């Protein structure tokens, strides 16, 4: 961190002021998101659970007695050089007190019988994969995380002085298409903050013009100037999101049928200029399960299965439209599966 230019680094203060239960922060790479939340975890009077997707990621954080997690905080002068810290099991201790508990989401089910009364926040670092396909994530990942949250939070009503555990998801802004945003129907937006589920969910688009300008002047910034990677790494434009054929259906469009993709319902609408895919649907209409899993984990899908055949023909004729990027990703995955 550069103490002379504090304005270029991420600060969580404004996000916290929105009082969300589940908070998502998306920002350009290198803006200090992880650094800021690590500092909070190490200096907070309460305990933090630090989540990464895989156990291998957690092992790297535990390596060298926790040096990888805290050393940059010490080197930049945010923690004292004489700090007494060590790793015991999967927990970071500072000055003899348990501060940060590291959890790999892939094995989180093993924690069901444990209690975490001193934990007041969960931080899921790098919750986005750089590949947008759902197969890049853990199977049934959102429910895995919700199970972890329920294990940690238990029943906190506030009446005993214990507030609900807050969650902070951190990631570089690779895409709005991911299992978490799909689960809560979170779609792209341009402003910094937007709330969902009556304010229980807060999503932050972190932008920092000072950081952008400084990074553009670096040799690497000049090297990638004009490329799609520059838009992601510097301009904070979702790298993988392609907005071609994203369009709202007309008022005269007719809901022809519905499809079920895993646990998500999508309405198929007919309009004068093509076929539209939307989260809006009439539950009384015919519903087709285009992709589902049997007890043997067999995926069943056929390109001749209606309405898959209709979707493919509309796509080939450039008449397939999507009401948002998330639905587009769903349908493209289906088409790539046949």
Protein backbone atom coordinates (compact mmCIF):
# COMPACT_ATOMS: atom_id res chain seq x y z
CA UNK A 1 0.00 0.00 0.00
CA UNK A 2 1.20 3.52 -0.79
CA UNK A 3 0.58 5.73 2.23
CA UNK A 4 1.15 8.83 0.10
CA UNK A 5 -1.77 8.03 -2.20
CA UNK A 6 -4.44 6.47 0.04
CA UNK A 7 -7.21 7.57 -2.34
CA UNK A 8 -6.21 4.92 -4.90
CA UNK A 9 -6.90 1.99 -2.56
CA UNK A 10 -10.17 0.30 -1.70
CA UNK A 11 -11.86 1.21 1.59
CA UNK A 12 -14.77 -0.88 2.95
CA UNK A 13 -16.32 1.97 4.99
CA UNK A 14 -18.95 3.01 2.45
CA UNK A 15 -20.00 -0.59 1.80
CA UNK A 16 -20.46 -1.23 5.53
CA UNK A 17 -22.70 1.84 5.83
CA UNK A 18 -25.35 0.10 3.69
CA UNK A 19 -25.79 -2.58 6.40
CA UNK A 20 -26.25 -5.50 4.01
CA UNK A 21 -26.30 -9.05 5.31
CA UNK A 22 -24.72 -10.51 2.17
CA UNK A 23 -22.36 -8.07 0.46
CA UNK A 24 -20.67 -8.53 -2.93
CA UNK A 25 -17.73 -6.35 -3.98
CA UNK A 26 -16.52 -6.44 -7.59
CA UNK A 27 -13.56 -4.33 -8.60
CA UNK A 28 -10.52 -4.15 -10.82
CA UNK A 29 -7.56 -6.33 -9.98
CA UNK A 30 -5.03 -4.88 -7.54
CA UNK A 31 -7.20 -2.17 -5.98
CA UNK A 32 -6.65 -3.47 -2.44
CA UNK A 33 -9.95 -5.24 -1.76
CA UNK A 34 -8.38 -8.32 -0.17
CA UNK A 35 -5.79 -6.22 1.68
CA UNK A 36 -8.47 -4.04 3.29
CA UNK A 37 -10.55 -6.98 4.45
CA UNK A 38 -7.50 -8.89 5.73
CA UNK A 39 -6.61 -5.90 7.87
CA UNK A 40 -10.14 -5.84 9.26
CA UNK A 41 -10.00 -9.57 10.03
CA UNK A 42 -6.69 -9.22 11.86
CA UNK A 43 -7.63 -6.15 13.92
CA UNK A 44 -11.30 -6.80 14.66
CA UNK A 45 -12.16 -7.71 18.27
CA UNK A 46 -14.30 -10.56 16.93
CA UNK A 47 -13.41 -13.61 14.89
CA UNK A 48 -13.58 -13.94 11.11
CA UNK A 49 -14.09 -16.96 8.90
CA UNK A 50 -12.01 -16.61 5.72
CA UNK A 51 -13.34 -18.73 2.87
CA UNK A 52 -11.76 -19.88 -0.35
CA UNK A 53 -13.30 -22.37 -2.74
CA UNK A 54 -10.78 -25.19 -2.46
CA UNK A 55 -8.71 -26.68 0.36
CA UNK A 56 -5.55 -26.17 -1.74
CA UNK A 57 -6.18 -22.41 -1.64
CA UNK A 58 -6.52 -22.51 2.13
CA UNK A 59 -3.31 -24.52 2.54
CA UNK A 60 -1.37 -21.81 0.72
CA UNK A 61 -2.69 -19.20 3.18
CA UNK A 62 -1.70 -21.37 6.15
CA UNK A 63 1.80 -21.98 4.82
CA UNK A 64 4.88 -20.58 6.54
CA UNK A 65 3.02 -20.09 9.82
CA UNK A 66 0.63 -17.52 8.33
CA UNK A 67 3.29 -15.27 6.78
CA UNK A 68 1.54 -15.21 3.42
CA UNK A 69 -1.62 -13.84 5.00
CA UNK A 70 -0.19 -11.16 7.30
CA UNK A 71 3.25 -10.22 5.96
CA UNK A 72 2.08 -7.59 3.48
CA UNK A 73 0.06 -5.95 6.27
CA UNK A 74 3.25 -5.80 8.36
CA UNK A 75 5.50 -4.67 5.52
CA UNK A 76 3.17 -1.77 4.68
CA UNK A 77 3.08 -0.65 8.31
CA UNK A 78 -0.56 -1.51 9.07
CA UNK A 79 0.46 -4.14 11.65
CA UNK A 80 3.50 -3.88 13.96
CA UNK A 81 6.71 -5.68 12.96
CA UNK A 82 6.84 -7.32 16.40
CA UNK A 83 3.35 -8.81 15.94
CA UNK A 84 3.00 -12.16 17.69
CA UNK A 85 1.13 -14.49 15.33
CA UNK A 86 1.05 -18.17 14.47
CA UNK A 87 -1.10 -20.85 12.84
CA UNK A 88 -2.64 -23.66 14.86
CA UNK A 89 -4.76 -26.10 12.87
CA UNK A 90 -6.73 -23.94 10.44
CA UNK A 91 -6.75 -20.83 12.66
CA UNK A 92 -4.57 -17.72 12.75
CA UNK A 93 -3.76 -16.56 16.29
CA UNK A 94 -2.67 -13.00 16.99
CA UNK A 95 -1.35 -12.07 20.43
CA UNK A 96 -2.59 -15.44 21.68
CA UNK A 97 -6.19 -14.92 20.49
CA UNK A 98 -7.90 -16.82 17.69
CA UNK A 99 -8.61 -14.25 14.97
CA UNK A 100 -9.12 -15.85 11.56
CA UNK A 101 -10.52 -19.32 10.86
CA UNK A 102 -9.74 -20.55 7.34
CA UNK A 103 -12.31 -22.73 5.58
CA UNK A 104 -12.32 -24.42 2.19
CA UNK A 105 -15.89 -24.35 0.88
CA UNK A 106 -15.45 -27.73 -0.81
CA UNK A 107 -15.14 -29.38 2.64
CA UNK A 108 -17.34 -27.00 4.66
CA UNK A 109 -19.95 -29.69 5.40
CA UNK A 110 -17.53 -31.14 7.96
CA UNK A 111 -18.12 -28.10 10.19
CA UNK A 112 -21.80 -28.87 10.88
CA UNK A 113 -21.22 -29.98 14.46
CA UNK A 114 -18.96 -27.04 15.37
CA UNK A 115 -19.91 -23.79 17.07
CA UNK A 116 -18.65 -20.30 16.18
CA UNK A 117 -20.10 -17.92 18.80
CA UNK A 118 -17.32 -15.31 18.41
CA UNK A 119 -17.50 -15.07 14.61
CA UNK A 120 -19.27 -11.95 13.35
CA UNK A 121 -18.28 -12.00 9.66
CA UNK A 122 -17.46 -14.35 6.83
CA UNK A 123 -15.20 -13.20 4.02
CA UNK A 124 -15.22 -15.23 0.80
CA UNK A 125 -12.19 -14.10 -1.17
CA UNK A 126 -12.06 -14.65 -4.95
CA UNK A 127 -15.60 -15.99 -5.07
CA UNK A 128 -15.69 -15.55 -8.86
CA UNK A 129 -13.95 -17.96 -11.19
CA UNK A 130 -12.44 -16.51 -14.36
CA UNK A 131 -14.37 -19.05 -16.41
CA UNK A 132 -18.09 -18.26 -16.56
CA UNK A 133 -19.46 -21.78 -17.05
CA UNK A 134 -21.26 -23.13 -14.00
CA UNK A 135 -19.04 -26.23 -14.19
CA UNK A 136 -16.15 -24.01 -13.04
CA UNK A 137 -17.85 -23.81 -9.62
CA UNK A 138 -18.54 -26.49 -7.04
CA UNK A 139 -21.59 -28.63 -7.61
CA UNK A 140 -24.57 -26.98 -5.88
CA UNK A 141 -22.17 -24.30 -4.64
CA UNK A 142 -24.66 -21.70 -3.45
CA UNK A 143 -26.41 -24.22 -1.23
CA UNK A 144 -23.02 -25.36 0.06
CA UNK A 145 -22.26 -21.80 1.09
CA UNK A 146 -25.71 -21.28 2.62
CA UNK A 147 -25.15 -24.44 4.65
CA UNK A 148 -21.85 -23.02 5.91
CA UNK A 149 -23.56 -19.74 6.80
CA UNK A 150 -26.30 -21.52 8.72
CA UNK A 151 -23.68 -23.51 10.64
CA UNK A 152 -21.89 -20.33 11.67
CA UNK A 153 -24.85 -18.04 12.24
CA UNK A 154 -27.18 -20.52 13.94
CA UNK A 155 -30.23 -18.73 15.36
CA UNK A 156 -29.21 -15.15 16.08
CA UNK A 157 -32.26 -13.01 16.77
CA UNK A 158 -30.41 -10.03 18.25
CA UNK A 159 -32.28 -10.42 21.53
CA UNK A 160 -29.18 -11.83 23.23
CA UNK A 161 -26.96 -9.07 21.84
CA UNK A 162 -25.52 -11.26 19.08
CA UNK A 163 -26.06 -9.76 15.65
CA UNK A 164 -26.35 -11.81 12.48
CA UNK A 165 -23.08 -12.81 10.88
CA UNK A 166 -22.41 -10.59 7.84
CA UNK A 167 -20.89 -11.98 4.65
CA UNK A 168 -18.51 -10.23 2.27
CA UNK A 169 -17.85 -11.76 -1.15
CA UNK A 170 -14.78 -10.30 -2.88
CA UNK A 171 -13.71 -10.71 -6.51
CA UNK A 172 -12.17 -9.16 -9.56
CA UNK A 173 -14.94 -8.15 -11.91
CA UNK A 174 -14.73 -10.95 -14.48
CA UNK A 175 -18.47 -11.42 -15.03
CA UNK A 176 -21.93 -10.88 -13.63
CA UNK A 177 -22.70 -14.46 -14.65
CA UNK A 178 -22.08 -16.73 -11.64
CA UNK A 179 -24.11 -19.09 -9.45
CA UNK A 180 -24.60 -16.50 -6.69
CA UNK A 181 -26.00 -13.76 -8.90
CA UNK A 182 -28.12 -16.31 -10.75
CA UNK A 183 -29.53 -17.60 -7.46
CA UNK A 184 -30.76 -14.14 -6.43
CA UNK A 185 -31.42 -12.84 -9.96
CA UNK A 186 -28.77 -10.12 -9.69
CA UNK A 187 -28.28 -8.51 -13.09
CA UNK A 188 -25.68 -6.00 -14.33
CA UNK A 189 -25.89 -2.33 -13.37
CA UNK A 190 -23.61 0.69 -13.76
CA UNK A 191 -23.76 2.65 -10.48
CA UNK A 192 -21.54 1.83 -7.50
CA UNK A 193 -24.12 0.27 -5.17
CA UNK A 194 -27.37 -1.56 -5.74
CA UNK A 195 -29.54 -3.40 -3.22
CA UNK A 196 -31.52 -6.60 -3.70
CA UNK A 197 -33.88 -8.66 -1.52
CA UNK A 198 -35.14 -5.59 0.36
CA UNK A 199 -31.62 -4.48 1.21
CA UNK A 200 -30.40 -7.80 2.60
CA UNK A 201 -28.04 -8.05 -0.37
CA UNK A 202 -25.75 -5.18 -1.37
CA UNK A 203 -23.69 -5.37 -4.56
CA UNK A 204 -20.81 -2.96 -5.07
CA UNK A 205 -19.24 -1.99 -8.40
CA UNK A 206 -16.00 -0.50 -7.12
CA UNK A 207 -14.47 2.11 -9.43
CA UNK A 208 -11.46 4.29 -8.69
CA UNK A 209 -10.41 6.81 -11.33
CA UNK A 210 -7.14 7.65 -9.54
CA UNK A 211 -6.17 3.96 -9.56
CA UNK A 212 -7.09 3.63 -13.25
CA UNK A 213 -5.01 6.61 -14.32
CA UNK A 214 -2.02 5.49 -12.28
CA UNK A 215 -2.18 1.94 -13.63
CA UNK A 216 -2.49 3.14 -17.24
CA UNK A 217 0.83 4.95 -16.83
CA UNK A 218 2.67 1.78 -15.79
CA UNK A 219 4.64 -0.21 -18.37
CA UNK A 220 2.15 -3.06 -18.08
CA UNK A 221 -0.75 -0.66 -18.54
CA UNK A 222 0.85 0.62 -21.73
CA UNK A 223 1.52 -2.94 -22.87
CA UNK A 224 -2.15 -4.00 -22.63
CA UNK A 225 -3.63 -0.69 -23.81
CA UNK A 226 -6.55 -1.22 -26.19
CA UNK A 227 -7.01 -4.92 -25.34
CA UNK A 228 -9.95 -6.68 -23.72
CA UNK A 229 -7.69 -7.53 -20.76
CA UNK A 230 -7.10 -3.82 -20.20
CA UNK A 231 -10.86 -3.27 -19.98
CA UNK A 232 -10.98 -5.93 -17.25
CA UNK A 233 -7.78 -5.18 -15.30
CA UNK A 234 -7.94 -1.38 -15.46
CA UNK A 235 -11.37 -0.16 -16.57
CA UNK A 236 -13.32 -2.65 -14.42
CA UNK A 237 -15.49 -3.84 -17.31
CA UNK A 238 -16.72 -7.40 -16.81
CA UNK A 239 -14.30 -9.37 -18.96
CA UNK A 240 -16.53 -12.19 -20.11
CA UNK A 241 -19.87 -10.44 -20.49
CA UNK A 242 -20.98 -10.12 -24.11
CA UNK A 243 -24.13 -8.01 -24.51
CA UNK A 244 -24.96 -8.96 -28.09
CA UNK A 245 -28.66 -9.89 -28.47
CA UNK A 246 -29.56 -8.58 -25.00
CA UNK A 247 -32.95 -6.93 -25.50
CA UNK A 248 -36.30 -6.49 -23.78
CA UNK A 249 -39.23 -8.28 -25.39
CA UNK A 250 -42.15 -6.29 -26.77
CA UNK A 251 -45.44 -5.76 -24.92
CA UNK A 252 -47.23 -8.08 -27.36
CA UNK A 253 -44.84 -11.00 -26.81
CA UNK A 254 -46.48 -14.31 -25.87
CA UNK A 255 -45.18 -16.74 -23.27
CA UNK A 256 -45.11 -19.96 -25.32
CA UNK A 257 -43.67 -22.32 -22.69
CA UNK A 258 -41.06 -22.54 -19.93
CA UNK A 259 -37.82 -24.39 -19.46
CA UNK A 260 -36.16 -25.50 -16.24
CA UNK A 261 -32.39 -25.32 -16.11
CA UNK A 262 -31.28 -27.05 -12.92
CA UNK A 263 -33.30 -25.07 -10.35
CA UNK A 264 -33.92 -22.00 -12.51
CA UNK A 265 -37.10 -21.32 -14.48
CA UNK A 266 -36.89 -19.44 -17.78
CA UNK A 267 -39.84 -18.30 -19.85
CA UNK A 268 -39.70 -18.70 -23.65
CA UNK A 269 -41.53 -15.82 -25.33
CA UNK A 270 -42.51 -15.38 -29.00
CA UNK A 271 -42.36 -11.88 -30.48
CA UNK A 272 -42.46 -10.48 -33.99
CA UNK A 273 -38.66 -10.25 -34.24
CA UNK A 274 -37.73 -13.57 -32.64
CA UNK A 275 -37.70 -15.72 -29.52
CA UNK A 276 -36.96 -14.16 -26.14
CA UNK A 277 -35.65 -15.87 -23.00
CA UNK A 278 -36.71 -14.24 -19.73
CA UNK A 279 -36.96 -14.86 -15.99
CA UNK A 280 -40.63 -13.90 -16.39
CA UNK A 281 -42.91 -16.86 -16.98
CA UNK A 282 -46.42 -18.18 -16.49
CA UNK A 283 -46.19 -21.14 -14.07
CA UNK A 284 -49.39 -22.62 -15.50
CA UNK A 285 -47.81 -23.21 -18.91
CA UNK A 286 -45.99 -26.34 -20.06
CA UNK A 287 -42.54 -26.61 -18.49
CA UNK A 288 -39.67 -28.59 -20.02
CA UNK A 289 -36.69 -29.82 -18.05
CA UNK A 290 -33.96 -29.33 -20.63
CA UNK A 291 -31.19 -30.49 -18.34
CA UNK A 292 -31.41 -32.38 -15.11
CA UNK A 293 -29.45 -34.89 -13.07
CA UNK A 294 -30.58 -38.38 -12.16
CA UNK A 295 -29.54 -40.17 -9.00
CA UNK A 296 -26.57 -41.48 -11.02
CA UNK A 297 -25.55 -37.94 -11.96
CA UNK A 298 -26.42 -38.59 -15.59
CA UNK A 299 -27.15 -35.44 -17.57
CA UNK A 300 -29.95 -35.91 -20.09
CA UNK A 301 -30.24 -33.47 -22.99
CA UNK A 302 -31.21 -33.78 -26.64
CA UNK A 303 -31.06 -31.23 -29.45
CA UNK A 304 -34.32 -32.72 -30.80
CA UNK A 305 -36.12 -32.15 -27.51
CA UNK A 306 -38.67 -29.35 -27.76
CA UNK A 307 -38.06 -26.47 -27.13
CA UNK A 308 -34.31 -27.12 -27.54
CA UNK A 309 -34.82 -27.55 -31.29
CA UNK A 310 -36.70 -24.24 -31.46
CA UNK A 311 -33.96 -22.44 -29.51
CA UNK A 312 -31.23 -23.81 -31.77
CA UNK A 313 -33.09 -22.82 -34.95
CA UNK A 314 -33.71 -19.30 -33.60
CA UNK A 315 -30.03 -18.99 -32.70
CA UNK A 316 -28.89 -20.09 -36.15
CA UNK A 317 -31.25 -17.48 -37.68
CA UNK A 318 -29.97 -14.69 -35.34
CA UNK A 319 -33.46 -14.44 -33.85
CA UNK A 320 -32.69 -15.63 -30.32
CA UNK A 321 -32.79 -12.79 -27.76
CA UNK A 322 -32.10 -12.63 -24.02
CA UNK A 323 -33.42 -10.22 -21.42
CA UNK A 324 -30.16 -10.24 -19.45
CA UNK A 325 -26.64 -11.64 -19.55
CA UNK A 326 -27.35 -14.35 -16.97
CA UNK A 327 -30.09 -15.96 -19.05
CA UNK A 328 -27.87 -15.74 -22.11
CA UNK A 329 -25.17 -17.70 -20.29
CA UNK A 330 -27.69 -20.37 -19.24
CA UNK A 331 -28.93 -20.87 -22.79
CA UNK A 332 -25.44 -20.92 -24.27
CA UNK A 333 -24.42 -23.62 -21.82
CA UNK A 334 -27.44 -25.67 -22.90
CA UNK A 335 -26.62 -25.25 -26.57
CA UNK A 336 -23.00 -26.23 -25.98
CA UNK A 337 -24.14 -29.40 -24.19
CA UNK A 338 -25.95 -30.96 -27.15
